[in-house]
Amino acid sequence: WPTLPALARRLAPMQAGVVAGTLLGAWWLGAPSG
């Protein structure tokens, strides 16, 4: 845990992209089915 904050700051842009891409994909594609 002590090294996590610095790593989280370094990877924050990527993780923001992950959240945005997942939510956009859920809105655009719907739930994975069929």
PDB file of all heavy atoms in Angstrom:
ATOM      1  N   TRP A   1       0.792  -1.221   0.000  1.00  0.00           N
ATOM      2  CA  TRP A   1       0.000   0.000   0.000  1.00  0.00           C
ATOM      3  C   TRP A   1       0.835   1.287   0.000  1.00  0.00           C
ATOM      4  O   TRP A   1       0.417   2.271  -0.639  1.00  0.00           O
ATOM      5  CB  TRP A   1      -0.949  -0.007   1.198  1.00  0.00           C
ATOM      6  CG  TRP A   1      -1.780  -1.242   1.315  1.00  0.00           C
ATOM      7  CD1 TRP A   1      -1.841  -2.090   2.378  1.00  0.00           C
ATOM      8  CD2 TRP A   1      -2.680  -1.787   0.343  1.00  0.00           C
ATOM      9  NE1 TRP A   1      -2.714  -3.138   2.129  1.00  0.00           N
ATOM     10  CE2 TRP A   1      -3.238  -2.970   0.871  1.00  0.00           C
ATOM     11  CE3 TRP A   1      -3.060  -1.408  -0.943  1.00  0.00           C
ATOM     12  CZ2 TRP A   1      -4.158  -3.767   0.200  1.00  0.00           C
ATOM     13  CZ3 TRP A   1      -3.974  -2.198  -1.633  1.00  0.00           C
ATOM     14  CH2 TRP A   1      -4.503  -3.353  -1.062  1.00  0.00           C
ATOM     15  N   PRO A   2       2.002   1.364   0.679  1.00  0.00           N
ATOM     16  CA  PRO A   2       2.737   2.643   0.703  1.00  0.00           C
ATOM     17  C   PRO A   2       3.156   3.134  -0.688  1.00  0.00           C
ATOM     18  O   PRO A   2       3.285   4.343  -0.899  1.00  0.00           O
ATOM     19  CB  PRO A   2       3.960   2.332   1.575  1.00  0.00           C
ATOM     20  CG  PRO A   2       3.490   1.240   2.485  1.00  0.00           C
ATOM     21  CD  PRO A   2       2.603   0.390   1.626  1.00  0.00           C
ATOM     22  N   THR A   3       3.395   2.237  -1.634  1.00  0.00           N
ATOM     23  CA  THR A   3       3.834   2.657  -2.972  1.00  0.00           C
ATOM     24  C   THR A   3       2.665   2.879  -3.926  1.00  0.00           C
ATOM     25  O   THR A   3       2.874   3.344  -5.054  1.00  0.00           O
ATOM     26  CB  THR A   3       4.768   1.600  -3.589  1.00  0.00           C
ATOM     27  OG1 THR A   3       4.055   0.361  -3.727  1.00  0.00           O
ATOM     28  CG2 THR A   3       5.987   1.380  -2.704  1.00  0.00           C
ATOM     29  N   LEU A   4       1.453   2.581  -3.482  1.00  0.00           N
ATOM     30  CA  LEU A   4       0.304   2.657  -4.380  1.00  0.00           C
ATOM     31  C   LEU A   4      -0.056   4.081  -4.806  1.00  0.00           C
ATOM     32  O   LEU A   4      -0.351   4.314  -5.984  1.00  0.00           O
ATOM     33  CB  LEU A   4      -0.905   1.971  -3.735  1.00  0.00           C
ATOM     34  CG  LEU A   4      -2.177   1.906  -4.588  1.00  0.00           C
ATOM     35  CD1 LEU A   4      -1.918   1.135  -5.872  1.00  0.00           C
ATOM     36  CD2 LEU A   4      -3.309   1.249  -3.793  1.00  0.00           C
ATOM     37  N   PRO A   5      -0.061   5.093  -3.894  1.00  0.00           N
ATOM     38  CA  PRO A   5      -0.457   6.446  -4.335  1.00  0.00           C
ATOM     39  C   PRO A   5       0.386   6.984  -5.488  1.00  0.00           C
ATOM     40  O   PRO A   5      -0.148   7.559  -6.442  1.00  0.00           O
ATOM     41  CB  PRO A   5      -0.288   7.273  -3.059  1.00  0.00           C
ATOM     42  CG  PRO A   5      -0.490   6.296  -1.942  1.00  0.00           C
ATOM     43  CD  PRO A   5       0.152   5.031  -2.437  1.00  0.00           C
ATOM     44  N   ALA A   6       1.708   6.801  -5.420  1.00  0.00           N
ATOM     45  CA  ALA A   6       2.564   7.303  -6.500  1.00  0.00           C
ATOM     46  C   ALA A   6       2.270   6.580  -7.805  1.00  0.00           C
ATOM     47  O   ALA A   6       2.223   7.201  -8.888  1.00  0.00           O
ATOM     48  CB  ALA A   6       4.039   7.136  -6.112  1.00  0.00           C
ATOM     49  N   LEU A   7       2.065   5.269  -7.732  1.00  0.00           N
ATOM     50  CA  LEU A   7       1.743   4.513  -8.937  1.00  0.00           C
ATOM     51  C   LEU A   7       0.393   4.935  -9.509  1.00  0.00           C
ATOM     52  O   LEU A   7       0.239   5.071 -10.732  1.00  0.00           O
ATOM     53  CB  LEU A   7       1.727   3.012  -8.607  1.00  0.00           C
ATOM     54  CG  LEU A   7       1.424   2.079  -9.777  1.00  0.00           C
ATOM     55  CD1 LEU A   7       2.548   2.122 -10.801  1.00  0.00           C
ATOM     56  CD2 LEU A   7       1.218   0.646  -9.286  1.00  0.00           C
ATOM     57  N   ALA A   8      -0.576   5.155  -8.627  1.00  0.00           N
ATOM     58  CA  ALA A   8      -1.902   5.577  -9.084  1.00  0.00           C
ATOM     59  C   ALA A   8      -1.833   6.924  -9.793  1.00  0.00           C
ATOM     60  O   ALA A   8      -2.510   7.142 -10.809  1.00  0.00           O
ATOM     61  CB  ALA A   8      -2.865   5.642  -7.903  1.00  0.00           C
ATOM     62  N   ARG A   9      -1.014   7.839  -9.279  1.00  0.00           N
ATOM     63  CA  ARG A   9      -0.860   9.136  -9.949  1.00  0.00           C
ATOM     64  C   ARG A   9      -0.235   8.964 -11.327  1.00  0.00           C
ATOM     65  O   ARG A   9      -0.647   9.607 -12.295  1.00  0.00           O
ATOM     66  CB  ARG A   9      -0.020  10.080  -9.088  1.00  0.00           C
ATOM     67  CG  ARG A   9      -0.755  10.621  -7.863  1.00  0.00           C
ATOM     68  CD  ARG A   9       0.030  11.756  -7.223  1.00  0.00           C
ATOM     69  NE  ARG A   9       1.313  11.304  -6.685  1.00  0.00           N
ATOM     70  CZ  ARG A   9       1.489  10.842  -5.456  1.00  0.00           C
ATOM     71  NH1 ARG A   9       0.452  10.746  -4.618  1.00  0.00           N
ATOM     72  NH2 ARG A   9       2.681  10.481  -5.030  1.00  0.00           N
ATOM     73  N   ARG A  10       0.754   8.093 -11.416  1.00  0.00           N
ATOM     74  CA  ARG A  10       1.430   7.873 -12.697  1.00  0.00           C
ATOM     75  C   ARG A  10       0.478   7.282 -13.744  1.00  0.00           C
ATOM     76  O   ARG A  10       0.534   7.647 -14.919  1.00  0.00           O
ATOM     77  CB  ARG A  10       2.617   6.934 -12.491  1.00  0.00           C
ATOM     78  CG  ARG A  10       3.377   6.608 -13.775  1.00  0.00           C
ATOM     79  CD  ARG A  10       4.538   5.667 -13.520  1.00  0.00           C
ATOM     80  NE  ARG A  10       5.243   5.364 -14.754  1.00  0.00           N
ATOM     81  CZ  ARG A  10       6.266   4.509 -14.844  1.00  0.00           C
ATOM     82  NH1 ARG A  10       6.718   3.895 -13.743  1.00  0.00           N
ATOM     83  NH2 ARG A  10       6.843   4.274 -16.008  1.00  0.00           N
ATOM     84  N   LEU A  11      -0.395   6.389 -13.306  1.00  0.00           N
ATOM     85  CA  LEU A  11      -1.281   5.686 -14.241  1.00  0.00           C
ATOM     86  C   LEU A  11      -2.672   6.307 -14.320  1.00  0.00           C
ATOM     87  O   LEU A  11      -3.551   5.749 -14.977  1.00  0.00           O
ATOM     88  CB  LEU A  11      -1.399   4.215 -13.830  1.00  0.00           C
ATOM     89  CG  LEU A  11      -0.111   3.393 -13.857  1.00  0.00           C
ATOM     90  CD1 LEU A  11      -0.390   1.960 -13.416  1.00  0.00           C
ATOM     91  CD2 LEU A  11       0.526   3.410 -15.244  1.00  0.00           C
ATOM     92  N   ALA A  12      -2.877   7.440 -13.671  1.00  0.00           N
ATOM     93  CA  ALA A  12      -4.209   8.048 -13.636  1.00  0.00           C
ATOM     94  C   ALA A  12      -4.788   8.321 -15.024  1.00  0.00           C
ATOM     95  O   ALA A  12      -5.973   8.052 -15.269  1.00  0.00           O
ATOM     96  CB  ALA A  12      -4.177   9.330 -12.810  1.00  0.00           C
ATOM     97  N   PRO A  13      -4.017   8.860 -15.985  1.00  0.00           N
ATOM     98  CA  PRO A  13      -4.608   9.088 -17.315  1.00  0.00           C
ATOM     99  C   PRO A  13      -5.100   7.804 -17.980  1.00  0.00           C
ATOM    100  O   PRO A  13      -6.174   7.780 -18.601  1.00  0.00           O
ATOM    101  CB  PRO A  13      -3.458   9.716 -18.100  1.00  0.00           C
ATOM    102  CG  PRO A  13      -2.585  10.350 -17.062  1.00  0.00           C
ATOM    103  CD  PRO A  13      -2.653   9.418 -15.890  1.00  0.00           C
ATOM    104  N   MET A  14      -4.317   6.735 -17.842  1.00  0.00           N
ATOM    105  CA  MET A  14      -4.748   5.454 -18.414  1.00  0.00           C
ATOM    106  C   MET A  14      -6.020   4.956 -17.741  1.00  0.00           C
ATOM    107  O   MET A  14      -6.961   4.498 -18.405  1.00  0.00           O
ATOM    108  CB  MET A  14      -3.634   4.414 -18.252  1.00  0.00           C
ATOM    109  CG  MET A  14      -4.025   3.028 -18.731  1.00  0.00           C
ATOM    110  SD  MET A  14      -2.851   1.777 -18.174  1.00  0.00           S
ATOM    111  CE  MET A  14      -3.679   0.276 -18.733  1.00  0.00           C
ATOM    112  N   GLN A  15      -6.070   5.043 -16.408  1.00  0.00           N
ATOM    113  CA  GLN A  15      -7.242   4.520 -15.691  1.00  0.00           C
ATOM    114  C   GLN A  15      -8.488   5.358 -15.984  1.00  0.00           C
ATOM    115  O   GLN A  15      -9.602   4.831 -16.048  1.00  0.00           O
ATOM    116  CB  GLN A  15      -6.955   4.495 -14.183  1.00  0.00           C
ATOM    117  CG  GLN A  15      -5.752   3.657 -13.795  1.00  0.00           C
ATOM    118  CD  GLN A  15      -5.714   2.299 -14.477  1.00  0.00           C
ATOM    119  OE1 GLN A  15      -6.705   1.567 -14.492  1.00  0.00           O
ATOM    120  NE2 GLN A  15      -4.588   1.962 -15.073  1.00  0.00           N
ATOM    121  N   ALA A  16      -8.316   6.673 -16.183  1.00  0.00           N
ATOM    122  CA  ALA A  16      -9.453   7.495 -16.593  1.00  0.00           C
ATOM    123  C   ALA A  16      -9.971   7.040 -17.951  1.00  0.00           C
ATOM    124  O   ALA A  16     -11.191   6.991 -18.186  1.00  0.00           O
ATOM    125  CB  ALA A  16      -9.034   8.969 -16.642  1.00  0.00           C
ATOM    126  N   GLY A  17      -9.040   6.679 -18.843  1.00  0.00           N
ATOM    127  CA  GLY A  17      -9.445   6.153 -20.145  1.00  0.00           C
ATOM    128  C   GLY A  17     -10.181   4.827 -20.026  1.00  0.00           C
ATOM    129  O   GLY A  17     -11.147   4.575 -20.752  1.00  0.00           O
ATOM    130  N   VAL A  18      -9.733   3.968 -19.107  1.00  0.00           N
ATOM    131  CA  VAL A  18     -10.407   2.686 -18.886  1.00  0.00           C
ATOM    132  C   VAL A  18     -11.865   2.902 -18.473  1.00  0.00           C
ATOM    133  O   VAL A  18     -12.788   2.280 -19.021  1.00  0.00           O
ATOM    134  CB  VAL A  18      -9.666   1.868 -17.805  1.00  0.00           C
ATOM    135  CG1 VAL A  18     -10.530   0.700 -17.334  1.00  0.00           C
ATOM    136  CG2 VAL A  18      -8.341   1.351 -18.337  1.00  0.00           C
ATOM    137  N   VAL A  19     -12.077   3.794 -17.509  1.00  0.00           N
ATOM    138  CA  VAL A  19     -13.438   4.054 -17.034  1.00  0.00           C
ATOM    139  C   VAL A  19     -14.289   4.639 -18.155  1.00  0.00           C
ATOM    140  O   VAL A  19     -15.414   4.179 -18.410  1.00  0.00           O
ATOM    141  CB  VAL A  19     -13.406   5.017 -15.826  1.00  0.00           C
ATOM    142  CG1 VAL A  19     -14.826   5.415 -15.434  1.00  0.00           C
ATOM    143  CG2 VAL A  19     -12.694   4.352 -14.648  1.00  0.00           C
ATOM    144  N   ALA A  20     -13.753   5.635 -18.865  1.00  0.00           N
ATOM    145  CA  ALA A  20     -14.515   6.271 -19.935  1.00  0.00           C
ATOM    146  C   ALA A  20     -14.832   5.274 -21.048  1.00  0.00           C
ATOM    147  O   ALA A  20     -15.964   5.223 -21.555  1.00  0.00           O
ATOM    148  CB  ALA A  20     -13.739   7.463 -20.495  1.00  0.00           C
ATOM    149  N   GLY A  21     -13.837   4.463 -21.436  1.00  0.00           N
ATOM    150  CA  GLY A  21     -14.053   3.498 -22.512  1.00  0.00           C
ATOM    151  C   GLY A  21     -15.056   2.422 -22.142  1.00  0.00           C
ATOM    152  O   GLY A  21     -15.885   2.013 -22.964  1.00  0.00           O
ATOM    153  N   THR A  22     -15.001   1.953 -20.896  1.00  0.00           N
ATOM    154  CA  THR A  22     -15.939   0.919 -20.458  1.00  0.00           C
ATOM    155  C   THR A  22     -17.369   1.447 -20.430  1.00  0.00           C
ATOM    156  O   THR A  22     -18.302   0.793 -20.915  1.00  0.00           O
ATOM    157  CB  THR A  22     -15.550   0.396 -19.060  1.00  0.00           C
ATOM    158  OG1 THR A  22     -14.195  -0.055 -19.077  1.00  0.00           O
ATOM    159  CG2 THR A  22     -16.455  -0.763 -18.652  1.00  0.00           C
ATOM    160  N   LEU A  23     -17.548   2.643 -19.874  1.00  0.00           N
ATOM    161  CA  LEU A  23     -18.903   3.201 -19.788  1.00  0.00           C
ATOM    162  C   LEU A  23     -19.432   3.575 -21.168  1.00  0.00           C
ATOM    163  O   LEU A  23     -20.616   3.347 -21.464  1.00  0.00           O
ATOM    164  CB  LEU A  23     -18.900   4.417 -18.871  1.00  0.00           C
ATOM    165  CG  LEU A  23     -18.505   4.139 -17.407  1.00  0.00           C
ATOM    166  CD1 LEU A  23     -18.567   5.415 -16.582  1.00  0.00           C
ATOM    167  CD2 LEU A  23     -19.406   3.062 -16.799  1.00  0.00           C
ATOM    168  N   LEU A  24     -18.562   4.120 -22.028  1.00  0.00           N
ATOM    169  CA  LEU A  24     -18.992   4.427 -23.395  1.00  0.00           C
ATOM    170  C   LEU A  24     -19.359   3.148 -24.131  1.00  0.00           C
ATOM    171  O   LEU A  24     -20.369   3.097 -24.849  1.00  0.00           O
ATOM    172  CB  LEU A  24     -17.872   5.171 -24.132  1.00  0.00           C
ATOM    173  CG  LEU A  24     -18.143   5.480 -25.609  1.00  0.00           C
ATOM    174  CD1 LEU A  24     -19.349   6.399 -25.752  1.00  0.00           C
ATOM    175  CD2 LEU A  24     -16.902   6.096 -26.269  1.00  0.00           C
ATOM    176  N   GLY A  25     -18.540   2.112 -23.955  1.00  0.00           N
ATOM    177  CA  GLY A  25     -18.832   0.837 -24.606  1.00  0.00           C
ATOM    178  C   GLY A  25     -20.141   0.240 -24.121  1.00  0.00           C
ATOM    179  O   GLY A  25     -20.907  -0.330 -24.903  1.00  0.00           O
ATOM    180  N   ALA A  26     -20.419   0.366 -22.821  1.00  0.00           N
ATOM    181  CA  ALA A  26     -21.681  -0.157 -22.278  1.00  0.00           C
ATOM    182  C   ALA A  26     -22.875   0.588 -22.863  1.00  0.00           C
ATOM    183  O   ALA A  26     -23.915  -0.009 -23.159  1.00  0.00           O
ATOM    184  CB  ALA A  26     -21.677  -0.031 -20.752  1.00  0.00           C
ATOM    185  N   TRP A  27     -22.726   1.908 -23.028  1.00  0.00           N
ATOM    186  CA  TRP A  27     -23.813   2.702 -23.619  1.00  0.00           C
ATOM    187  C   TRP A  27     -23.985   2.398 -25.096  1.00  0.00           C
ATOM    188  O   TRP A  27     -25.100   2.298 -25.603  1.00  0.00           O
ATOM    189  CB  TRP A  27     -23.510   4.188 -23.419  1.00  0.00           C
ATOM    190  CG  TRP A  27     -24.462   5.090 -24.140  1.00  0.00           C
ATOM    191  CD1 TRP A  27     -25.729   5.420 -23.777  1.00  0.00           C
ATOM    192  CD2 TRP A  27     -24.198   5.778 -25.376  1.00  0.00           C
ATOM    193  NE1 TRP A  27     -26.293   6.274 -24.706  1.00  0.00           N
ATOM    194  CE2 TRP A  27     -25.374   6.502 -25.699  1.00  0.00           C
ATOM    195  CE3 TRP A  27     -23.088   5.845 -26.225  1.00  0.00           C
ATOM    196  CZ2 TRP A  27     -25.453   7.285 -26.852  1.00  0.00           C
ATOM    197  CZ3 TRP A  27     -23.171   6.619 -27.359  1.00  0.00           C
ATOM    198  CH2 TRP A  27     -24.345   7.333 -27.661  1.00  0.00           C
ATOM    199  N   TRP A  28     -22.869   2.206 -25.796  1.00  0.00           N
ATOM    200  CA  TRP A  28     -22.897   2.030 -27.245  1.00  0.00           C
ATOM    201  C   TRP A  28     -23.280   0.594 -27.631  1.00  0.00           C
ATOM    202  O   TRP A  28     -24.119   0.361 -28.504  1.00  0.00           O
ATOM    203  CB  TRP A  28     -21.516   2.381 -27.806  1.00  0.00           C
ATOM    204  CG  TRP A  28     -21.356   2.222 -29.289  1.00  0.00           C
ATOM    205  CD1 TRP A  28     -22.315   2.392 -30.252  1.00  0.00           C
ATOM    206  CD2 TRP A  28     -20.158   1.842 -29.972  1.00  0.00           C
ATOM    207  NE1 TRP A  28     -21.777   2.164 -31.495  1.00  0.00           N
ATOM    208  CE2 TRP A  28     -20.457   1.821 -31.352  1.00  0.00           C
ATOM    209  CE3 TRP A  28     -18.865   1.553 -29.548  1.00  0.00           C
ATOM    210  CZ2 TRP A  28     -19.495   1.497 -32.317  1.00  0.00           C
ATOM    211  CZ3 TRP A  28     -17.917   1.245 -30.512  1.00  0.00           C
ATOM    212  CH2 TRP A  28     -18.227   1.212 -31.868  1.00  0.00           C
ATOM    213  N   LEU A  29     -22.673  -0.406 -26.951  1.00  0.00           N
ATOM    214  CA  LEU A  29     -22.836  -1.802 -27.329  1.00  0.00           C
ATOM    215  C   LEU A  29     -23.909  -2.527 -26.528  1.00  0.00           C
ATOM    216  O   LEU A  29     -24.408  -3.564 -26.962  1.00  0.00           O
ATOM    217  CB  LEU A  29     -21.504  -2.548 -27.156  1.00  0.00           C
ATOM    218  CG  LEU A  29     -20.316  -2.016 -27.975  1.00  0.00           C
ATOM    219  CD1 LEU A  29     -19.035  -2.707 -27.526  1.00  0.00           C
ATOM    220  CD2 LEU A  29     -20.559  -2.225 -29.461  1.00  0.00           C
ATOM    221  N   GLY A  30     -24.247  -1.990 -25.338  1.00  0.00           N
ATOM    222  CA  GLY A  30     -25.146  -2.721 -24.452  1.00  0.00           C
ATOM    223  C   GLY A  30     -24.384  -3.816 -23.730  1.00  0.00           C
ATOM    224  O   GLY A  30     -23.155  -3.926 -23.813  1.00  0.00           O
ATOM    225  N   ALA A  31     -25.109  -4.642 -22.999  1.00  0.00           N
ATOM    226  CA  ALA A  31     -24.476  -5.751 -22.276  1.00  0.00           C
ATOM    227  C   ALA A  31     -24.001  -6.809 -23.267  1.00  0.00           C
ATOM    228  O   ALA A  31     -24.641  -7.026 -24.294  1.00  0.00           O
ATOM    229  CB  ALA A  31     -25.460  -6.375 -21.288  1.00  0.00           C
ATOM    230  N   PRO A  32     -22.860  -7.484 -22.976  1.00  0.00           N
ATOM    231  CA  PRO A  32     -22.371  -8.528 -23.889  1.00  0.00           C
ATOM    232  C   PRO A  32     -23.312  -9.728 -23.900  1.00  0.00           C
ATOM    233  O   PRO A  32     -23.416 -10.467 -22.927  1.00  0.00           O
ATOM    234  CB  PRO A  32     -20.994  -8.894 -23.315  1.00  0.00           C
ATOM    235  CG  PRO A  32     -21.053  -8.472 -21.886  1.00  0.00           C
ATOM    236  CD  PRO A  32     -21.971  -7.285 -21.822  1.00  0.00           C
ATOM    237  N   SER A  33     -24.035  -9.891 -24.991  1.00  0.00           N
ATOM    238  CA  SER A  33     -24.992 -11.000 -25.098  1.00  0.00           C
ATOM    239  C   SER A  33     -25.150 -11.371 -26.559  1.00  0.00           C
ATOM    240  O   SER A  33     -24.812 -10.593 -27.457  1.00  0.00           O
ATOM    241  CB  SER A  33     -26.353 -10.604 -24.510  1.00  0.00           C
ATOM    242  OG  SER A  33     -26.900  -9.506 -25.222  1.00  0.00           O
ATOM    243  N   GLY A  34     -25.645 -12.568 -26.791  1.00  0.00           N
ATOM    244  CA  GLY A  34     -25.881 -13.022 -28.145  1.00  0.00           C
ATOM    245  C   GLY A  34     -24.613 -13.546 -28.801  1.00  0.00           C
ATOM    246  O   GLY A  34     -23.531 -13.578 -28.215  1.00  0.00           O
TER     247      GLY A  34
END
